[in-house]
Amino acid sequence: MSFVSVHALQAGYLTLPERFFVTPLEDTSARTTVPSLSFLIQHTDQQSGKITRIVFDLGIRRKLDDYAAPIFKHAQTRQPLSGDPDTLKSLSDGGLGPDDIDIVMFSHLHWDHVGTPSDYPNSTYVIGPGAAKLISGKRDTTAGSHNHFEEGMLDMKRTIELPSTGLPATPPPLEEQTTLTTKTEQLTSYFSQPWHRKGHFEAAMDIFGDGSVHVVSAPGHIDGHINLLCRLESGKHVYLAGDSCHDRRLLTGEKDVATWNDASYPGVVCCIHQDKAQAEKTLRVIRETIRDPGDMKEVEVIFAHDGAWEKQAKSDGRFFPGAL
């Protein structure tokens, strides 16, 4: 059985006004400071012994004033806020540097998940289907100040955009690309696998071809939102849920996804998710997977901003160089 090791990485924290995320609330002024978690995934090829390292999400940017002006303005509404320690510092605590990371994969391209991509000048970036247009300057902003994106943030010669789940798998060059770097070209085969059903998930991609890591399409939050399903040595699975869920009370069904009105977007009902109905469907599938994991034995779900999980994981030594 092939498996991977998964290690939590500290990647900053931010403060969420709960009324933008969950409803109903007794205290609509409640704010909660939460992590923006990243993860290191290490895969060893059982035949060649080759180790491939993936960092999933980069969290908060180390230098906050390096964000584009509209993003920086929004970020100030999330104080207390910090990008320290970031993924570079967290990796170095376990003896790894940026050149040790083959792939930086983004669950999506919101500001609190993209960190500082230029910290990884030799890594290949992987983004979900439809995400490239968010940073191409060709997309209208969706309602809400959280939906600003940084044009030109990624070096497209080192970027693989996953194919649409509705299309046959093909090597996915971007419209703007002419030539991928040699290293990135060599990695395209991982991400040209066919999408297939995996348990309750409608579209999953077995990137190493051995069942150890599946990229899972998790639509609803924003274009290109993807999750990772990883098999550990114990046979248990870990599901890295990104922003499929922002509050564990949504996962348990105690609360519902919030909406609000914003004077800057008159006549529009705002939501932290681009497509609320689709995001709720994704959450139902995750709940069903927890309840009925099938041949996956047991599935632990970790979303990016779960403060209670972070606290327990630190106590249990699950942050790098520790492991899940």
Protein backbone atom coordinates (compact mmCIF):
# COMPACT_ATOMS: atom_id res chain seq x y z
CA MET A 1 0.00 0.00 0.00
CA SER A 2 1.35 3.39 -0.99
CA PHE A 3 0.97 6.26 1.45
CA VAL A 4 2.27 9.73 2.23
CA SER A 5 3.36 11.59 5.33
CA VAL A 6 1.41 14.77 6.09
CA HIS A 7 2.74 17.54 8.31
CA ALA A 8 0.92 20.69 9.45
CA LEU A 9 2.73 23.99 8.85
CA GLN A 10 2.11 27.26 10.66
CA ALA A 11 1.41 29.97 8.09
CA GLY A 12 0.03 32.94 9.98
CA TYR A 13 -3.31 33.87 11.48
CA LEU A 14 -6.23 36.25 10.93
CA THR A 15 -9.40 37.28 12.74
CA LEU A 16 -12.81 36.44 11.31
CA PRO A 17 -16.02 38.35 12.08
CA GLU A 18 -18.31 35.36 12.67
CA ARG A 19 -21.37 37.05 11.14
CA PHE A 20 -19.81 36.75 7.66
CA PHE A 21 -19.43 33.00 8.03
CA VAL A 22 -22.12 31.43 10.20
CA THR A 23 -25.74 32.02 11.13
CA PRO A 24 -27.66 32.29 13.41
CA LEU A 25 -25.51 34.01 16.04
CA GLU A 26 -26.42 35.23 19.49
CA ASP A 27 -23.58 37.75 19.34
CA THR A 28 -23.28 39.26 15.85
CA SER A 29 -20.17 41.20 16.90
CA ALA A 30 -18.22 38.04 17.74
CA ARG A 31 -14.73 37.77 16.21
CA THR A 32 -12.43 34.75 16.33
CA THR A 33 -8.69 34.65 15.64
CA VAL A 34 -7.87 31.56 13.61
CA PRO A 35 -4.89 30.04 11.78
CA SER A 36 -4.38 29.88 8.05
CA LEU A 37 -3.01 26.37 7.93
CA SER A 38 -0.65 24.96 5.33
CA PHE A 39 0.53 21.37 4.95
CA LEU A 40 3.60 19.52 3.74
CA ILE A 41 2.89 16.23 1.95
CA GLN A 42 5.83 13.87 1.28
CA HIS A 43 5.44 11.02 -1.23
CA THR A 44 8.07 8.32 -1.74
CA ASP A 45 7.90 6.30 -4.95
CA GLN A 46 7.97 2.67 -3.89
CA GLN A 47 9.99 1.59 -6.93
CA SER A 48 12.50 4.40 -7.40
CA GLY A 49 12.60 5.79 -3.86
CA LYS A 50 12.16 9.30 -5.26
CA ILE A 51 10.64 11.73 -2.77
CA THR A 52 8.18 14.34 -4.07
CA ARG A 53 7.26 17.14 -1.70
CA ILE A 54 4.08 19.20 -1.98
CA VAL A 55 3.18 22.26 0.07
CA PHE A 56 -0.60 22.75 0.11
CA ASP A 57 -1.39 26.47 0.52
CA LEU A 58 1.00 29.20 1.65
CA GLY A 59 -1.18 31.04 4.16
CA ILE A 60 -0.74 34.73 4.99
CA ARG A 61 1.94 36.85 3.30
CA ARG A 62 4.95 37.50 5.51
CA LYS A 63 5.14 41.19 4.53
CA LEU A 64 1.54 42.33 4.68
CA ASP A 65 2.22 45.59 2.85
CA ASP A 66 3.37 43.58 -0.17
CA TYR A 67 -0.27 42.76 -0.93
CA ALA A 68 -1.91 44.77 -3.71
CA ALA A 69 -3.73 47.84 -2.35
CA PRO A 70 -7.33 46.47 -2.45
CA ILE A 71 -6.21 43.24 -0.77
CA PHE A 72 -4.21 45.09 1.88
CA LYS A 73 -7.25 47.26 2.64
CA HIS A 74 -9.45 44.19 3.11
CA ALA A 75 -6.78 42.44 5.20
CA GLN A 76 -6.88 45.28 7.73
CA THR A 77 -10.47 44.23 8.55
CA ARG A 78 -9.05 40.90 9.71
CA GLN A 79 -6.84 42.26 12.49
CA PRO A 80 -5.28 40.82 14.61
CA LEU A 81 -3.43 39.45 11.59
CA SER A 82 0.07 38.09 11.00
CA GLY A 83 2.10 36.20 8.42
CA ASP A 84 4.72 35.11 10.95
CA PRO A 85 5.75 32.36 11.07
CA ASP A 86 5.19 31.64 7.39
CA THR A 87 5.72 28.40 5.50
CA LEU A 88 9.42 29.12 4.88
CA LYS A 89 10.06 29.42 8.61
CA SER A 90 7.88 26.39 9.37
CA LEU A 91 9.72 24.24 6.83
CA SER A 92 13.13 25.40 8.06
CA ASP A 93 12.19 24.25 11.57
CA GLY A 94 12.22 20.74 10.12
CA GLY A 95 15.37 21.19 8.04
CA LEU A 96 13.78 21.90 4.63
CA GLY A 97 14.27 24.88 2.34
CA PRO A 98 12.37 26.19 -0.69
CA ASP A 99 14.48 24.14 -3.12
CA ASP A 100 13.25 20.95 -1.42
CA ILE A 101 9.65 21.69 -2.46
CA ASP A 102 8.68 20.27 -5.86
CA ILE A 103 5.08 21.49 -5.95
CA VAL A 104 3.18 24.35 -4.33
CA MET A 105 -0.51 23.58 -4.67
CA PHE A 106 -3.16 26.16 -3.87
CA SER A 107 -6.58 25.16 -2.58
CA HIS A 108 -7.64 28.48 -4.15
CA LEU A 109 -6.28 31.96 -4.74
CA HIS A 110 -7.79 34.07 -1.96
CA TRP A 111 -5.24 36.35 -0.28
CA ASP A 112 -5.03 34.37 2.97
CA HIS A 113 -3.92 31.19 1.18
CA VAL A 114 -1.38 32.45 -1.38
CA GLY A 115 1.38 33.67 0.94
CA THR A 116 4.50 34.73 -0.98
CA PRO A 117 4.77 32.44 -4.04
CA SER A 118 8.10 33.98 -5.06
CA ASP A 119 9.63 32.33 -1.97
CA TYR A 120 9.57 29.13 -4.08
CA PRO A 121 11.42 30.12 -7.27
CA ASN A 122 12.07 26.55 -8.44
CA SER A 123 8.77 24.93 -7.48
CA THR A 124 5.86 24.19 -9.81
CA TYR A 125 2.57 25.86 -8.89
CA VAL A 126 -0.66 23.88 -9.25
CA ILE A 127 -4.07 25.56 -9.30
CA GLY A 128 -7.60 24.25 -9.72
CA PRO A 129 -9.76 24.35 -12.85
CA GLY A 130 -10.70 27.93 -13.77
CA ALA A 131 -8.41 29.59 -11.22
CA ALA A 132 -5.99 31.09 -13.76
CA LYS A 133 -8.48 33.69 -14.92
CA LEU A 134 -8.68 35.12 -11.40
CA ILE A 135 -5.11 36.41 -11.66
CA SER A 136 -5.14 37.19 -15.38
CA GLY A 137 -6.86 40.57 -15.00
CA LYS A 138 -9.72 39.31 -17.18
CA ARG A 139 -12.26 38.57 -14.46
CA ASP A 140 -14.88 40.82 -12.93
CA THR A 141 -14.72 40.92 -9.14
CA THR A 142 -17.42 38.97 -7.34
CA ALA A 143 -19.30 40.88 -4.63
CA GLY A 144 -17.37 41.26 -1.41
CA SER A 145 -14.05 42.90 -0.53
CA HIS A 146 -12.54 39.44 0.06
CA ASN A 147 -12.70 38.73 -3.66
CA HIS A 148 -9.75 40.75 -4.93
CA PHE A 149 -6.94 38.86 -6.65
CA GLU A 150 -3.38 39.77 -7.54
CA GLU A 151 -2.77 39.93 -11.27
CA GLY A 152 0.48 38.27 -12.33
CA MET A 153 1.02 36.66 -8.92
CA LEU A 154 2.29 33.36 -10.37
CA ASP A 155 4.99 32.66 -12.94
CA MET A 156 2.85 30.98 -15.58
CA LYS A 157 5.84 29.14 -17.05
CA ARG A 158 5.88 27.19 -13.77
CA THR A 159 2.10 26.87 -13.34
CA ILE A 160 -0.18 23.94 -14.10
CA GLU A 161 -3.92 24.58 -14.12
CA LEU A 162 -5.89 21.38 -13.65
CA PRO A 163 -8.26 20.43 -16.48
CA SER A 164 -11.98 20.96 -16.07
CA THR A 165 -13.71 18.06 -14.36
CA GLY A 166 -16.12 17.94 -17.30
CA LEU A 167 -13.43 17.37 -19.91
CA PRO A 168 -11.12 14.46 -20.74
CA ALA A 169 -7.77 14.82 -19.01
CA THR A 170 -5.21 16.59 -21.17
CA PRO A 171 -1.92 18.28 -20.39
CA PRO A 172 -3.32 21.64 -19.29
CA PRO A 173 -1.28 24.53 -20.71
CA LEU A 174 -2.75 27.94 -19.93
CA GLU A 175 -3.85 30.33 -22.67
CA GLU A 176 -1.06 32.75 -21.82
CA GLN A 177 1.64 30.08 -21.74
CA THR A 178 4.07 29.50 -24.54
CA THR A 179 6.60 27.17 -22.96
CA LEU A 180 6.61 25.50 -19.58
CA THR A 181 9.91 25.13 -17.79
CA THR A 182 11.47 21.70 -18.20
CA LYS A 183 10.86 20.80 -14.57
CA THR A 184 7.19 21.81 -14.74
CA GLU A 185 6.75 19.95 -18.03
CA GLN A 186 8.02 16.81 -16.32
CA LEU A 187 5.35 17.15 -13.63
CA THR A 188 2.38 17.61 -15.98
CA SER A 189 1.78 13.85 -16.17
CA TYR A 190 0.80 13.82 -12.48
CA PHE A 191 -1.93 16.35 -13.16
CA SER A 192 -3.17 14.95 -16.47
CA GLN A 193 -4.79 11.91 -14.86
CA PRO A 194 -8.50 11.39 -15.49
CA TRP A 195 -10.97 12.72 -12.96
CA HIS A 196 -12.96 9.85 -11.46
CA ARG A 197 -15.38 9.16 -8.64
CA LYS A 198 -13.74 8.41 -5.28
CA GLY A 199 -16.16 7.37 -2.56
CA HIS A 200 -18.74 10.15 -2.25
CA PHE A 201 -16.56 12.63 -4.16
CA GLU A 202 -17.68 13.11 -7.75
CA ALA A 203 -14.34 14.23 -9.17
CA ALA A 204 -10.97 13.11 -7.80
CA MET A 205 -7.56 12.81 -9.46
CA ASP A 206 -5.06 10.15 -8.33
CA ILE A 207 -1.97 12.22 -9.04
CA PHE A 208 0.70 9.61 -8.28
CA GLY A 209 -1.32 6.72 -9.69
CA ASP A 210 -0.97 4.72 -6.48
CA GLY A 211 -3.96 5.94 -4.45
CA SER A 212 -1.87 7.85 -1.92
CA VAL A 213 -2.96 11.37 -2.89
CA HIS A 214 -6.15 12.47 -4.62
CA VAL A 215 -6.87 16.04 -5.65
CA VAL A 216 -10.60 16.51 -5.08
CA SER A 217 -12.71 19.10 -6.89
CA ALA A 218 -14.56 21.04 -4.16
CA PRO A 219 -16.64 23.65 -5.99
CA GLY A 220 -18.63 26.50 -4.51
CA HIS A 221 -16.20 28.66 -2.57
CA ILE A 222 -14.43 30.25 -5.54
CA ASP A 223 -13.30 29.22 -9.02
CA GLY A 224 -10.70 26.46 -8.86
CA HIS A 225 -11.26 25.46 -5.25
CA ILE A 226 -9.65 22.05 -4.66
CA ASN A 227 -9.02 19.82 -1.65
CA LEU A 228 -6.54 17.01 -0.98
CA LEU A 229 -7.30 13.48 0.20
CA CYS A 230 -4.17 11.79 1.57
CA ARG A 231 -3.67 8.19 2.72
CA LEU A 232 -1.41 7.73 5.74
CA GLU A 233 0.69 4.71 6.64
CA SER A 234 -2.01 3.58 9.08
CA GLY A 235 -4.50 3.36 6.21
CA LYS A 236 -6.46 6.26 7.65
CA HIS A 237 -7.11 9.21 5.33
CA VAL A 238 -6.73 12.93 5.94
CA TYR A 239 -8.92 15.36 3.99
CA LEU A 240 -7.45 18.85 3.66
CA ALA A 241 -10.63 20.85 3.11
CA GLY A 242 -9.29 24.36 2.47
CA ASP A 243 -12.20 26.80 2.64
CA SER A 244 -14.95 24.23 2.06
CA CYS A 245 -15.80 25.08 5.65
CA HIS A 246 -14.76 28.02 7.84
CA ASP A 247 -16.24 26.92 11.15
CA ARG A 248 -16.61 23.43 12.61
CA ARG A 249 -20.21 24.25 13.55
CA LEU A 250 -20.96 24.22 9.81
CA LEU A 251 -19.48 20.75 9.53
CA THR A 252 -21.60 19.46 12.41
CA GLY A 253 -24.74 21.16 11.09
CA GLU A 254 -25.13 23.37 14.18
CA LYS A 255 -24.92 26.52 12.06
CA ASP A 256 -25.70 27.55 8.48
CA VAL A 257 -23.66 29.50 5.92
CA ALA A 258 -24.16 33.24 6.42
CA THR A 259 -25.10 35.94 3.92
CA TRP A 260 -24.99 39.73 4.30
CA ASN A 261 -25.60 43.01 2.50
CA ASP A 262 -22.78 45.40 1.61
CA ALA A 263 -23.43 49.04 0.69
CA SER A 264 -20.59 48.80 -1.85
CA TYR A 265 -22.60 46.18 -3.77
CA PRO A 266 -26.21 47.47 -3.73
CA GLY A 267 -28.90 44.93 -4.48
CA VAL A 268 -26.50 41.99 -4.11
CA VAL A 269 -26.66 39.38 -1.36
CA CYS A 270 -23.04 38.72 -0.38
CA CYS A 271 -21.65 35.39 0.79
CA ILE A 272 -18.15 34.18 1.61
CA HIS A 273 -18.80 31.54 -1.06
CA GLN A 274 -19.14 32.42 -4.73
CA ASP A 275 -21.90 29.81 -5.13
CA LYS A 276 -23.59 29.19 -1.77
CA ALA A 277 -25.74 26.27 -2.95
CA GLN A 278 -22.75 24.52 -4.51
CA ALA A 279 -20.61 25.13 -1.42
CA GLU A 280 -23.34 23.62 0.75
CA LYS A 281 -23.44 20.59 -1.53
CA THR A 282 -19.65 20.18 -1.20
CA LEU A 283 -20.02 20.36 2.58
CA ARG A 284 -22.74 17.69 2.52
CA VAL A 285 -20.44 15.37 0.58
CA ILE A 286 -17.67 15.91 3.15
CA ARG A 287 -20.10 15.14 5.98
CA GLU A 288 -21.22 11.98 4.17
CA THR A 289 -17.59 10.91 3.75
CA ILE A 290 -16.96 11.27 7.49
CA ARG A 291 -20.10 9.23 8.22
CA ASP A 292 -19.44 6.59 5.57
CA PRO A 293 -15.75 6.44 4.57
CA GLY A 294 -16.09 3.08 2.82
CA ASP A 295 -12.72 1.50 2.03
CA MET A 296 -10.92 4.59 3.36
CA LYS A 297 -11.36 3.26 6.93
CA GLU A 298 -11.56 6.67 8.59
CA VAL A 299 -11.32 10.22 7.21
CA GLU A 300 -10.10 13.12 9.34
CA VAL A 301 -11.27 16.47 7.93
CA ILE A 302 -9.08 19.53 8.50
CA PHE A 303 -10.14 22.91 7.18
CA ALA A 304 -7.73 25.79 6.83
CA HIS A 305 -9.04 28.01 9.61
CA ASP A 306 -9.79 25.48 12.37
CA GLY A 307 -8.37 27.01 15.54
CA ALA A 308 -9.46 24.14 17.81
CA TRP A 309 -7.75 21.62 15.54
CA GLU A 310 -4.56 23.71 15.50
CA LYS A 311 -4.44 23.92 19.30
CA GLN A 312 -4.83 20.16 19.71
CA ALA A 313 -2.39 19.41 16.85
CA LYS A 314 0.32 21.52 18.48
CA SER A 315 -0.19 19.64 21.72
CA ASP A 316 0.00 16.32 19.87
CA GLY A 317 3.17 17.17 17.90
CA ARG A 318 1.49 17.15 14.49
CA PHE A 319 3.26 20.26 13.18
CA PHE A 320 6.45 19.78 11.13
CA PRO A 321 8.85 18.15 11.86
CA GLY A 322 6.10 16.17 13.60
CA ALA A 323 3.48 14.47 11.45
CA LEU A 324 -0.20 13.60 11.36
